[in-house]
PDB file of N, CA and C in Angstrom:
ATOM      1  N   MET A   1       0.920  -1.132  -0.118  1.00  0.00           N
ATOM      2  CA  MET A   1      -0.100  -0.282   0.083  1.00  0.00           C
ATOM      3  C   MET A   1       0.831   1.735  -0.010  1.00  0.00           C
ATOM      4  N   GLN A   2       0.560   2.070  -1.085  1.00  0.00           N
ATOM      5  CA  GLN A   2       1.325   3.522  -0.983  1.00  0.00           C
ATOM      6  C   GLN A   2       1.054   4.178   0.094  1.00  0.00           C
ATOM      7  N   ILE A   3       2.000   5.308   0.617  1.00  0.00           N
ATOM      8  CA  ILE A   3       1.863   5.896   2.021  1.00  0.00           C
ATOM      9  C   ILE A   3       1.636   7.532   0.992  1.00  0.00           C
ATOM     10  N   MET A   4       0.619   7.857   1.237  1.00  0.00           N
ATOM     11  CA  MET A   4       0.364   9.089   0.662  1.00  0.00           C
ATOM     12  C   MET A   4       0.907  10.583   1.398  1.00  0.00           C
ATOM     13  N   THR A   5       0.377  11.730   0.826  1.00  0.00           N
ATOM     14  CA  THR A   5       1.364  12.559   1.634  1.00  0.00           C
ATOM     15  C   THR A   5       0.904  14.339   1.101  1.00  0.00           C
ATOM     16  N   LEU A   6       0.908  15.279   1.635  1.00  0.00           N
ATOM     17  CA  LEU A   6       0.089  16.278   1.368  1.00  0.00           C
ATOM     18  C   LEU A   6       0.766  16.829  -0.031  1.00  0.00           C
ATOM     19  N   GLY A   7       1.958  16.302  -0.259  1.00  0.00           N
ATOM     20  CA  GLY A   7       2.588  16.453  -1.786  1.00  0.00           C
ATOM     21  C   GLY A   7       1.808  16.037  -2.619  1.00  0.00           C
ATOM     22  N   ASP A   8       1.113  14.564  -2.840  1.00  0.00           N
ATOM     23  CA  ASP A   8       0.649  14.191  -3.523  1.00  0.00           C
ATOM     24  C   ASP A   8      -1.107  14.995  -4.071  1.00  0.00           C
ATOM     25  N   PHE A   9      -1.423  16.034  -3.295  1.00  0.00           N
ATOM     26  CA  PHE A   9      -2.609  16.613  -3.404  1.00  0.00           C
ATOM     27  C   PHE A   9      -2.499  18.015  -3.377  1.00  0.00           C
ATOM     28  N   ALA A  10      -1.270  18.246  -3.028  1.00  0.00           N
ATOM     29  CA  ALA A  10      -1.326  19.661  -2.488  1.00  0.00           C
ATOM     30  C   ALA A  10      -1.533  20.682  -3.844  1.00  0.00           C
ATOM     31  N   SER A  11      -0.830  19.994  -5.058  1.00  0.00           N
ATOM     32  CA  SER A  11      -0.845  20.524  -6.584  1.00  0.00           C
ATOM     33  C   SER A  11      -2.499  20.240  -7.092  1.00  0.00           C
ATOM     34  N   ARG A  12      -3.247  19.482  -6.618  1.00  0.00           N
ATOM     35  CA  ARG A  12      -4.180  18.719  -7.345  1.00  0.00           C
ATOM     36  C   ARG A  12      -5.530  19.723  -6.380  1.00  0.00           C
ATOM     37  N   VAL A  13      -5.150  20.871  -5.703  1.00  0.00           N
ATOM     38  CA  VAL A  13      -6.666  21.434  -5.636  1.00  0.00           C
ATOM     39  C   VAL A  13      -6.933  22.289  -6.537  1.00  0.00           C
ATOM     40  N   ASN A  14      -8.585  22.018  -6.709  1.00  0.00           N
ATOM     41  CA  ASN A  14      -9.667  22.805  -7.425  1.00  0.00           C
ATOM     42  C   ASN A  14      -9.577  21.569  -8.633  1.00  0.00           C
ATOM     43  N   GLU A  15      -9.114  20.490  -8.320  1.00  0.00           N
ATOM     44  CA  GLU A  15      -9.137  19.383  -9.390  1.00  0.00           C
ATOM     45  C   GLU A  15     -10.162  18.043  -8.848  1.00  0.00           C
ATOM     46  N   THR A  16     -10.819  17.520 -10.496  1.00  0.00           N
ATOM     47  CA  THR A  16     -11.665  16.642  -9.658  1.00  0.00           C
ATOM     48  C   THR A  16     -11.308  15.334  -9.304  1.00  0.00           C
ATOM     49  N   PHE A  17     -11.814  14.782  -8.386  1.00  0.00           N
ATOM     50  CA  PHE A  17     -11.387  13.031  -8.004  1.00  0.00           C
ATOM     51  C   PHE A  17     -12.820  12.380  -8.416  1.00  0.00           C
ATOM     52  N   THR A  18     -12.967  11.159  -8.627  1.00  0.00           N
ATOM     53  CA  THR A  18     -13.710  10.469  -8.589  1.00  0.00           C
ATOM     54  C   THR A  18     -14.018   9.307  -7.618  1.00  0.00           C
ATOM     55  N   VAL A  19     -15.075   9.172  -7.001  1.00  0.00           N
ATOM     56  CA  VAL A  19     -15.587   8.011  -5.812  1.00  0.00           C
ATOM     57  C   VAL A  19     -16.641   7.376  -6.710  1.00  0.00           C
ATOM     58  N   SER A  20     -16.379   5.852  -6.512  1.00  0.00           N
ATOM     59  CA  SER A  20     -16.579   4.962  -6.932  1.00  0.00           C
ATOM     60  C   SER A  20     -17.766   4.651  -5.583  1.00  0.00           C
ATOM     61  N   LEU A  21     -19.368   4.480  -5.956  1.00  0.00           N
ATOM     62  CA  LEU A  21     -20.166   4.395  -5.377  1.00  0.00           C
ATOM     63  C   LEU A  21     -20.338   3.147  -5.510  1.00  0.00           C
ATOM     64  N   ASP A  22     -21.624   2.518  -4.387  1.00  0.00           N
ATOM     65  CA  ASP A  22     -21.916   1.168  -4.302  1.00  0.00           C
ATOM     66  C   ASP A  22     -22.786   0.576  -5.330  1.00  0.00           C
ATOM     67  N   GLU A  23     -22.015  -0.828  -5.901  1.00  0.00           N
ATOM     68  CA  GLU A  23     -22.245  -1.350  -7.019  1.00  0.00           C
ATOM     69  C   GLU A  23     -23.518  -1.094  -7.979  1.00  0.00           C
ATOM     70  N   GLY A  24     -23.665  -0.838  -8.805  1.00  0.00           N
ATOM     71  CA  GLY A  24     -24.925  -0.100  -9.584  1.00  0.00           C
ATOM     72  C   GLY A  24     -25.140   1.303 -10.031  1.00  0.00           C
ATOM     73  N   GLN A  25     -24.669   2.221  -8.655  1.00  0.00           N
ATOM     74  CA  GLN A  25     -24.799   3.236  -8.651  1.00  0.00           C
ATOM     75  C   GLN A  25     -23.908   3.991  -9.105  1.00  0.00           C
ATOM     76  N   GLY A  26     -23.048   4.147  -9.948  1.00  0.00           N
ATOM     77  CA  GLY A  26     -21.909   5.000 -10.744  1.00  0.00           C
ATOM     78  C   GLY A  26     -20.717   5.333  -9.784  1.00  0.00           C
ATOM     79  N   ASN A  27     -20.509   6.717 -10.405  1.00  0.00           N
ATOM     80  CA  ASN A  27     -19.315   7.468  -9.567  1.00  0.00           C
ATOM     81  C   ASN A  27     -19.648   8.516  -9.248  1.00  0.00           C
ATOM     82  N   ALA A  28     -19.143   9.635  -8.521  1.00  0.00           N
ATOM     83  CA  ALA A  28     -19.689  10.368  -7.954  1.00  0.00           C
ATOM     84  C   ALA A  28     -18.660  11.584  -7.828  1.00  0.00           C
ATOM     85  N   PRO A  29     -18.315  12.954  -8.481  1.00  0.00           N
ATOM     86  CA  PRO A  29     -17.254  13.735  -8.462  1.00  0.00           C
ATOM     87  C   PRO A  29     -16.889  14.558  -7.662  1.00  0.00           C
ATOM     88  N   PHE A  30     -15.713  14.546  -6.549  1.00  0.00           N
ATOM     89  CA  PHE A  30     -15.317  15.063  -5.494  1.00  0.00           C
ATOM     90  C   PHE A  30     -14.633  16.275  -6.146  1.00  0.00           C
ATOM     91  N   VAL A  31     -14.803  17.381  -5.632  1.00  0.00           N
ATOM     92  CA  VAL A  31     -13.685  18.640  -6.188  1.00  0.00           C
ATOM     93  C   VAL A  31     -12.574  18.923  -4.585  1.00  0.00           C
ATOM     94  N   LEU A  32     -11.532  18.871  -4.920  1.00  0.00           N
ATOM     95  CA  LEU A  32     -10.454  18.827  -3.942  1.00  0.00           C
ATOM     96  C   LEU A  32     -10.616  20.279  -3.096  1.00  0.00           C
ATOM     97  N   VAL A  33     -10.975  20.718  -2.481  1.00  0.00           N
ATOM     98  CA  VAL A  33     -10.846  22.445  -2.021  1.00  0.00           C
ATOM     99  C   VAL A  33      -9.883  23.053  -1.366  1.00  0.00           C
ATOM    100  N   GLU A  34      -9.394  22.011  -0.766  1.00  0.00           N
ATOM    101  CA  GLU A  34      -8.040  22.409   0.319  1.00  0.00           C
ATOM    102  C   GLU A  34      -7.239  21.451   0.707  1.00  0.00           C
ATOM    103  N   ALA A  35      -6.107  21.707   0.777  1.00  0.00           N
ATOM    104  CA  ALA A  35      -5.167  20.483   1.149  1.00  0.00           C
ATOM    105  C   ALA A  35      -4.260  21.157   2.244  1.00  0.00           C
ATOM    106  N   ARG A  36      -4.472  20.788   3.611  1.00  0.00           N
ATOM    107  CA  ARG A  36      -3.365  21.596   4.758  1.00  0.00           C
ATOM    108  C   ARG A  36      -2.664  20.746   5.586  1.00  0.00           C
ATOM    109  N   PRO A  37      -1.607  20.960   5.792  1.00  0.00           N
ATOM    110  CA  PRO A  37      -0.785  20.465   6.702  1.00  0.00           C
ATOM    111  C   PRO A  37      -1.372  20.647   8.404  1.00  0.00           C
ATOM    112  N   LEU A  38      -1.680  19.792   9.240  1.00  0.00           N
ATOM    113  CA  LEU A  38      -2.049  19.559  10.310  1.00  0.00           C
ATOM    114  C   LEU A  38      -1.253  19.969  11.407  1.00  0.00           C
ATOM    115  N   SER A  39      -0.953  21.062  12.228  1.00  0.00           N
ATOM    116  CA  SER A  39      -0.309  21.304  13.228  1.00  0.00           C
ATOM    117  C   SER A  39       0.106  20.449  14.170  1.00  0.00           C
ATOM    118  N   GLY A  40       0.964  20.495  15.033  1.00  0.00           N
ATOM    119  CA  GLY A  40       1.623  19.805  15.768  1.00  0.00           C
ATOM    120  C   GLY A  40       3.529  19.459  15.887  1.00  0.00           C
ATOM    121  N   GLN A  41       3.422  18.475  16.835  1.00  0.00           N
ATOM    122  CA  GLN A  41       4.709  18.196  16.711  1.00  0.00           C
ATOM    123  C   GLN A  41       5.022  16.766  16.310  1.00  0.00           C
ATOM    124  N   PRO A  42       6.185  16.770  15.330  1.00  0.00           N
ATOM    125  CA  PRO A  42       6.398  15.400  14.583  1.00  0.00           C
ATOM    126  C   PRO A  42       6.582  14.307  15.436  1.00  0.00           C
ATOM    127  N   VAL A  43       5.894  13.292  15.617  1.00  0.00           N
ATOM    128  CA  VAL A  43       6.459  12.164  16.233  1.00  0.00           C
ATOM    129  C   VAL A  43       7.523  11.098  15.138  1.00  0.00           C
ATOM    130  N   VAL A  44       8.258  10.892  16.280  1.00  0.00           N
ATOM    131  CA  VAL A  44       9.653  10.165  15.759  1.00  0.00           C
ATOM    132  C   VAL A  44       9.308   8.909  15.217  1.00  0.00           C
ATOM    133  N   GLY A  45       9.460   8.516  13.909  1.00  0.00           N
ATOM    134  CA  GLY A  45       9.183   7.148  13.507  1.00  0.00           C
ATOM    135  C   GLY A  45       7.886   7.474  12.489  1.00  0.00           C
ATOM    136  N   GLN A  46       7.384   8.287  12.557  1.00  0.00           N
ATOM    137  CA  GLN A  46       6.429   8.715  11.734  1.00  0.00           C
ATOM    138  C   GLN A  46       6.479   8.494  10.247  1.00  0.00           C
ATOM    139  N   SER A  47       5.954   7.944   9.764  1.00  0.00           N
ATOM    140  CA  SER A  47       5.998   7.861   8.137  1.00  0.00           C
ATOM    141  C   SER A  47       5.491   9.137   7.153  1.00  0.00           C
ATOM    142  N   ARG A  48       4.488   9.893   7.553  1.00  0.00           N
ATOM    143  CA  ARG A  48       4.715  11.271   6.995  1.00  0.00           C
ATOM    144  C   ARG A  48       3.980  12.308   8.218  1.00  0.00           C
ATOM    145  N   ASP A  49       4.010  13.439   7.703  1.00  0.00           N
ATOM    146  CA  ASP A  49       3.272  14.656   8.519  1.00  0.00           C
ATOM    147  C   ASP A  49       2.074  14.627   8.256  1.00  0.00           C
ATOM    148  N   PRO A  50       0.930  14.408   9.133  1.00  0.00           N
ATOM    149  CA  PRO A  50      -0.382  14.639   9.504  1.00  0.00           C
ATOM    150  C   PRO A  50      -0.730  15.936   8.374  1.00  0.00           C
ATOM    151  N   PHE A  51      -1.705  15.873   8.143  1.00  0.00           N
ATOM    152  CA  PHE A  51      -2.241  16.517   6.767  1.00  0.00           C
ATOM    153  C   PHE A  51      -3.832  16.402   6.855  1.00  0.00           C
ATOM    154  N   ALA A  52      -4.929  17.502   6.386  1.00  0.00           N
ATOM    155  CA  ALA A  52      -6.052  16.977   5.574  1.00  0.00           C
ATOM    156  C   ALA A  52      -6.460  17.351   4.639  1.00  0.00           C
ATOM    157  N   LEU A  53      -7.578  16.768   4.276  1.00  0.00           N
ATOM    158  CA  LEU A  53      -8.012  17.130   2.849  1.00  0.00           C
ATOM    159  C   LEU A  53      -9.498  17.680   2.916  1.00  0.00           C
ATOM    160  N   LEU A  54      -9.950  18.461   2.070  1.00  0.00           N
ATOM    161  CA  LEU A  54     -11.702  19.211   2.059  1.00  0.00           C
ATOM    162  C   LEU A  54     -12.104  18.497   0.553  1.00  0.00           C
ATOM    163  N   PHE A  55     -13.267  18.074   0.406  1.00  0.00           N
ATOM    164  CA  PHE A  55     -13.763  17.771  -0.776  1.00  0.00           C
ATOM    165  C   PHE A  55     -14.800  18.628  -0.837  1.00  0.00           C
ATOM    166  N   ARG A  56     -15.559  18.809  -1.713  1.00  0.00           N
ATOM    167  CA  ARG A  56     -17.329  19.162  -2.262  1.00  0.00           C
ATOM    168  C   ARG A  56     -17.713  18.175  -3.122  1.00  0.00           C
ATOM    169  N   ASN A  57     -18.705  18.280  -2.890  1.00  0.00           N
ATOM    170  CA  ASN A  57     -19.737  17.011  -3.936  1.00  0.00           C
ATOM    171  C   ASN A  57     -20.741  17.846  -3.969  1.00  0.00           C
ATOM    172  N   GLU A  58     -21.238  18.143  -4.803  1.00  0.00           N
ATOM    173  CA  GLU A  58     -22.597  18.816  -5.174  1.00  0.00           C
ATOM    174  C   GLU A  58     -23.477  18.436  -5.193  1.00  0.00           C
ATOM    175  N   ALA A  59     -23.872  17.003  -4.877  1.00  0.00           N
ATOM    176  CA  ALA A  59     -25.039  16.226  -5.080  1.00  0.00           C
ATOM    177  C   ALA A  59     -26.213  16.905  -3.733  1.00  0.00           C
ATOM    178  N   ALA A  60     -27.726  16.418  -4.037  1.00  0.00           N
ATOM    179  CA  ALA A  60     -28.430  16.965  -3.103  1.00  0.00           C
ATOM    180  C   ALA A  60     -28.370  15.549  -1.830  1.00  0.00           C
ATOM    181  N   ILE A  61     -27.756  14.758  -2.089  1.00  0.00           N
ATOM    182  CA  ILE A  61     -27.759  13.842  -1.042  1.00  0.00           C
ATOM    183  C   ILE A  61     -26.814  13.962  -0.532  1.00  0.00           C
ATOM    184  N   LEU A  62     -26.508  13.549   1.052  1.00  0.00           N
ATOM    185  CA  LEU A  62     -25.143  13.402   1.989  1.00  0.00           C
ATOM    186  C   LEU A  62     -24.941  12.187   1.947  1.00  0.00           C
ATOM    187  N   PHE A  63     -23.573  12.061   1.171  1.00  0.00           N
ATOM    188  CA  PHE A  63     -23.364  10.526   1.535  1.00  0.00           C
ATOM    189  C   PHE A  63     -22.613  10.258   3.543  1.00  0.00           C
ATOM    190  N   PRO A  64     -22.950   9.535   3.211  1.00  0.00           N
ATOM    191  CA  PRO A  64     -22.196   8.750   4.794  1.00  0.00           C
ATOM    192  C   PRO A  64     -20.884   8.794   5.009  1.00  0.00           C
ATOM    193  N   GLN A  65     -20.274   8.810   6.600  1.00  0.00           N
ATOM    194  CA  GLN A  65     -18.956   8.559   6.303  1.00  0.00           C
ATOM    195  C   GLN A  65     -18.806   7.252   6.467  1.00  0.00           C
ATOM    196  N   ARG A  66     -17.419   6.952   5.817  1.00  0.00           N
ATOM    197  CA  ARG A  66     -17.240   5.631   5.449  1.00  0.00           C
ATOM    198  C   ARG A  66     -15.791   5.688   4.462  1.00  0.00           C
ATOM    199  N   ILE A  67     -15.405   4.448   4.468  1.00  0.00           N
ATOM    200  CA  ILE A  67     -14.098   4.223   3.350  1.00  0.00           C
ATOM    201  C   ILE A  67     -14.846   4.215   2.275  1.00  0.00           C
ATOM    202  N   TYR A  68     -14.289   5.315   1.189  1.00  0.00           N
ATOM    203  CA  TYR A  68     -14.601   5.124   0.057  1.00  0.00           C
ATOM    204  C   TYR A  68     -13.357   4.820  -1.317  1.00  0.00           C
ATOM    205  N   GLN A  69     -13.444   4.066  -2.285  1.00  0.00           N
ATOM    206  CA  GLN A  69     -12.644   4.052  -3.397  1.00  0.00           C
ATOM    207  C   GLN A  69     -12.552   5.392  -3.782  1.00  0.00           C
ATOM    208  N   MET A  70     -11.552   5.643  -4.442  1.00  0.00           N
ATOM    209  CA  MET A  70     -11.175   7.240  -4.889  1.00  0.00           C
ATOM    210  C   MET A  70     -10.247   7.329  -5.938  1.00  0.00           C
ATOM    211  N   HIS A  71     -10.353   8.127  -6.943  1.00  0.00           N
ATOM    212  CA  HIS A  71      -9.567   7.949  -8.222  1.00  0.00           C
ATOM    213  C   HIS A  71      -9.456   9.446  -8.487  1.00  0.00           C
ATOM    214  N   HIS A  72      -7.976   9.299  -9.099  1.00  0.00           N
ATOM    215  CA  HIS A  72      -7.699  10.162  -9.757  1.00  0.00           C
ATOM    216  C   HIS A  72      -6.414  10.128 -10.980  1.00  0.00           C
ATOM    217  N   GLU A  73      -6.090  10.751 -11.758  1.00  0.00           N
ATOM    218  CA  GLU A  73      -5.456  10.125 -13.023  1.00  0.00           C
ATOM    219  C   GLU A  73      -4.166  10.215 -12.578  1.00  0.00           C
ATOM    220  N   ALA A  74      -3.822  10.940 -11.318  1.00  0.00           N
ATOM    221  CA  ALA A  74      -2.167  11.408 -11.389  1.00  0.00           C
ATOM    222  C   ALA A  74      -2.072  10.431 -10.031  1.00  0.00           C
ATOM    223  N   THR A  75      -2.907  10.198  -9.271  1.00  0.00           N
ATOM    224  CA  THR A  75      -2.559   9.274  -8.056  1.00  0.00           C
ATOM    225  C   THR A  75      -2.864   7.990  -8.181  1.00  0.00           C
ATOM    226  N   GLY A  76      -3.608   7.466  -9.194  1.00  0.00           N
ATOM    227  CA  GLY A  76      -4.114   5.968  -9.650  1.00  0.00           C
ATOM    228  C   GLY A  76      -5.612   5.878  -8.196  1.00  0.00           C
ATOM    229  N   PRO A  77      -6.117   4.853  -8.267  1.00  0.00           N
ATOM    230  CA  PRO A  77      -7.197   4.546  -7.021  1.00  0.00           C
ATOM    231  C   PRO A  77      -6.157   4.120  -5.676  1.00  0.00           C
ATOM    232  N   PHE A  78      -7.129   4.677  -4.747  1.00  0.00           N
ATOM    233  CA  PHE A  78      -6.868   4.238  -3.491  1.00  0.00           C
ATOM    234  C   PHE A  78      -8.323   4.322  -2.350  1.00  0.00           C
ATOM    235  N   GLY A  79      -8.011   3.723  -1.221  1.00  0.00           N
ATOM    236  CA  GLY A  79      -9.129   3.887  -0.301  1.00  0.00           C
ATOM    237  C   GLY A  79      -9.012   5.301   0.665  1.00  0.00           C
ATOM    238  N   ILE A  80     -10.403   6.119   0.892  1.00  0.00           N
ATOM    239  CA  ILE A  80     -10.036   7.306   1.920  1.00  0.00           C
ATOM    240  C   ILE A  80     -11.230   7.089   2.775  1.00  0.00           C
ATOM    241  N   PHE A  81     -11.306   7.439   3.713  1.00  0.00           N
ATOM    242  CA  PHE A  81     -12.261   7.972   4.578  1.00  0.00           C
ATOM    243  C   PHE A  81     -12.688   9.064   4.400  1.00  0.00           C
ATOM    244  N   LEU A  82     -14.113   8.993   4.231  1.00  0.00           N
ATOM    245  CA  LEU A  82     -14.582  10.733   3.976  1.00  0.00           C
ATOM    246  C   LEU A  82     -15.411  10.625   5.269  1.00  0.00           C
ATOM    247  N   VAL A  83     -15.859  11.951   5.882  1.00  0.00           N
ATOM    248  CA  VAL A  83     -16.789  12.377   7.256  1.00  0.00           C
ATOM    249  C   VAL A  83     -17.120  13.677   6.329  1.00  0.00           C
ATOM    250  N   PRO A  84     -18.626  13.456   6.333  1.00  0.00           N
ATOM    251  CA  PRO A  84     -19.383  14.967   5.948  1.00  0.00           C
ATOM    252  C   PRO A  84     -19.052  16.137   6.843  1.00  0.00           C
ATOM    253  N   ILE A  85     -18.569  16.935   6.722  1.00  0.00           N
ATOM    254  CA  ILE A  85     -18.580  18.170   8.039  1.00  0.00           C
ATOM    255  C   ILE A  85     -19.469  19.189   7.722  1.00  0.00           C
ATOM    256  N   ALA A  86     -19.812  19.830   6.409  1.00  0.00           N
ATOM    257  CA  ALA A  86     -20.341  21.085   6.346  1.00  0.00           C
ATOM    258  C   ALA A  86     -21.434  20.990   5.062  1.00  0.00           C
ATOM    259  N   ARG A  87     -22.424  21.378   5.291  1.00  0.00           N
ATOM    260  CA  ARG A  87     -23.166  22.151   3.917  1.00  0.00           C
ATOM    261  C   ARG A  87     -23.375  23.002   3.684  1.00  0.00           C
ATOM    262  N   GLU A  88     -23.534  23.263   2.172  1.00  0.00           N
ATOM    263  CA  GLU A  88     -23.204  24.771   1.751  1.00  0.00           C
ATOM    264  C   GLU A  88     -24.127  24.839   0.396  1.00  0.00           C
ATOM    265  N   GLN A  89     -24.238  26.167   0.216  1.00  0.00           N
ATOM    266  CA  GLN A  89     -25.344  26.389  -0.897  1.00  0.00           C
ATOM    267  C   GLN A  89     -24.873  25.134  -2.006  1.00  0.00           C
ATOM    268  N   ALA A  90     -23.687  24.843  -2.238  1.00  0.00           N
ATOM    269  CA  ALA A  90     -23.493  24.245  -3.548  1.00  0.00           C
ATOM    270  C   ALA A  90     -23.084  22.816  -3.416  1.00  0.00           C
ATOM    271  N   GLY A  91     -23.068  22.188  -1.989  1.00  0.00           N
ATOM    272  CA  GLY A  91     -23.509  20.673  -1.818  1.00  0.00           C
ATOM    273  C   GLY A  91     -23.207  20.556  -0.360  1.00  0.00           C
ATOM    274  N   PHE A  92     -22.095  19.761  -0.313  1.00  0.00           N
ATOM    275  CA  PHE A  92     -21.528  19.154   0.943  1.00  0.00           C
ATOM    276  C   PHE A  92     -19.626  18.889   0.997  1.00  0.00           C
ATOM    277  N   LEU A  93     -19.450  19.489   1.725  1.00  0.00           N
ATOM    278  CA  LEU A  93     -17.777  19.060   2.100  1.00  0.00           C
ATOM    279  C   LEU A  93     -17.809  18.082   2.856  1.00  0.00           C
ATOM    280  N   TYR A  94     -16.731  17.559   2.721  1.00  0.00           N
ATOM    281  CA  TYR A  94     -16.196  16.353   3.369  1.00  0.00           C
ATOM    282  C   TYR A  94     -14.789  16.613   3.676  1.00  0.00           C
ATOM    283  N   GLN A  95     -14.467  15.873   4.818  1.00  0.00           N
ATOM    284  CA  GLN A  95     -12.775  15.958   5.149  1.00  0.00           C
ATOM    285  C   GLN A  95     -12.422  14.416   5.223  1.00  0.00           C
ATOM    286  N   ALA A  96     -11.343  14.430   4.813  1.00  0.00           N
ATOM    287  CA  ALA A  96      -9.997  13.275   5.277  1.00  0.00           C
ATOM    288  C   ALA A  96      -8.821  13.914   5.815  1.00  0.00           C
ATOM    289  N   VAL A  97      -8.564  13.189   6.978  1.00  0.00           N
ATOM    290  CA  VAL A  97      -7.294  13.412   7.784  1.00  0.00           C
ATOM    291  C   VAL A  97      -6.483  12.169   7.898  1.00  0.00           C
ATOM    292  N   PHE A  98      -5.732  12.483   7.572  1.00  0.00           N
ATOM    293  CA  PHE A  98      -4.167  11.745   7.538  1.00  0.00           C
ATOM    294  C   PHE A  98      -3.033  11.897   8.200  1.00  0.00           C
ATOM    295  N   ASN A  99      -3.124  10.923   9.476  1.00  0.00           N
ATOM    296  CA  ASN A  99      -2.038  11.059  10.416  1.00  0.00           C
ATOM    297  C   ASN A  99      -1.115   9.944  10.420  1.00  0.00           C
TER     298      ASN A  99
END
């Protein structure tokens, strides 16, 4: 399994990632709206510095928090735990934290 870092996402802000939904439900576009480091002291032996990602999905429905299969042409497929954190006029915001 590849260990993803903030560097894998920082240059992808405002790009669309595709989330695979349950069988027969297709895919959903999620736009990366923020990629930021998390403050805190580095931990000795830690494989990466902690960071957070914020995605927007414009669907009228709320996707529950869980692990989704996400894909982007630059990163390839990967599993990501998304948590809905806010509703906006343009849709819902979802956060993923990597620590």
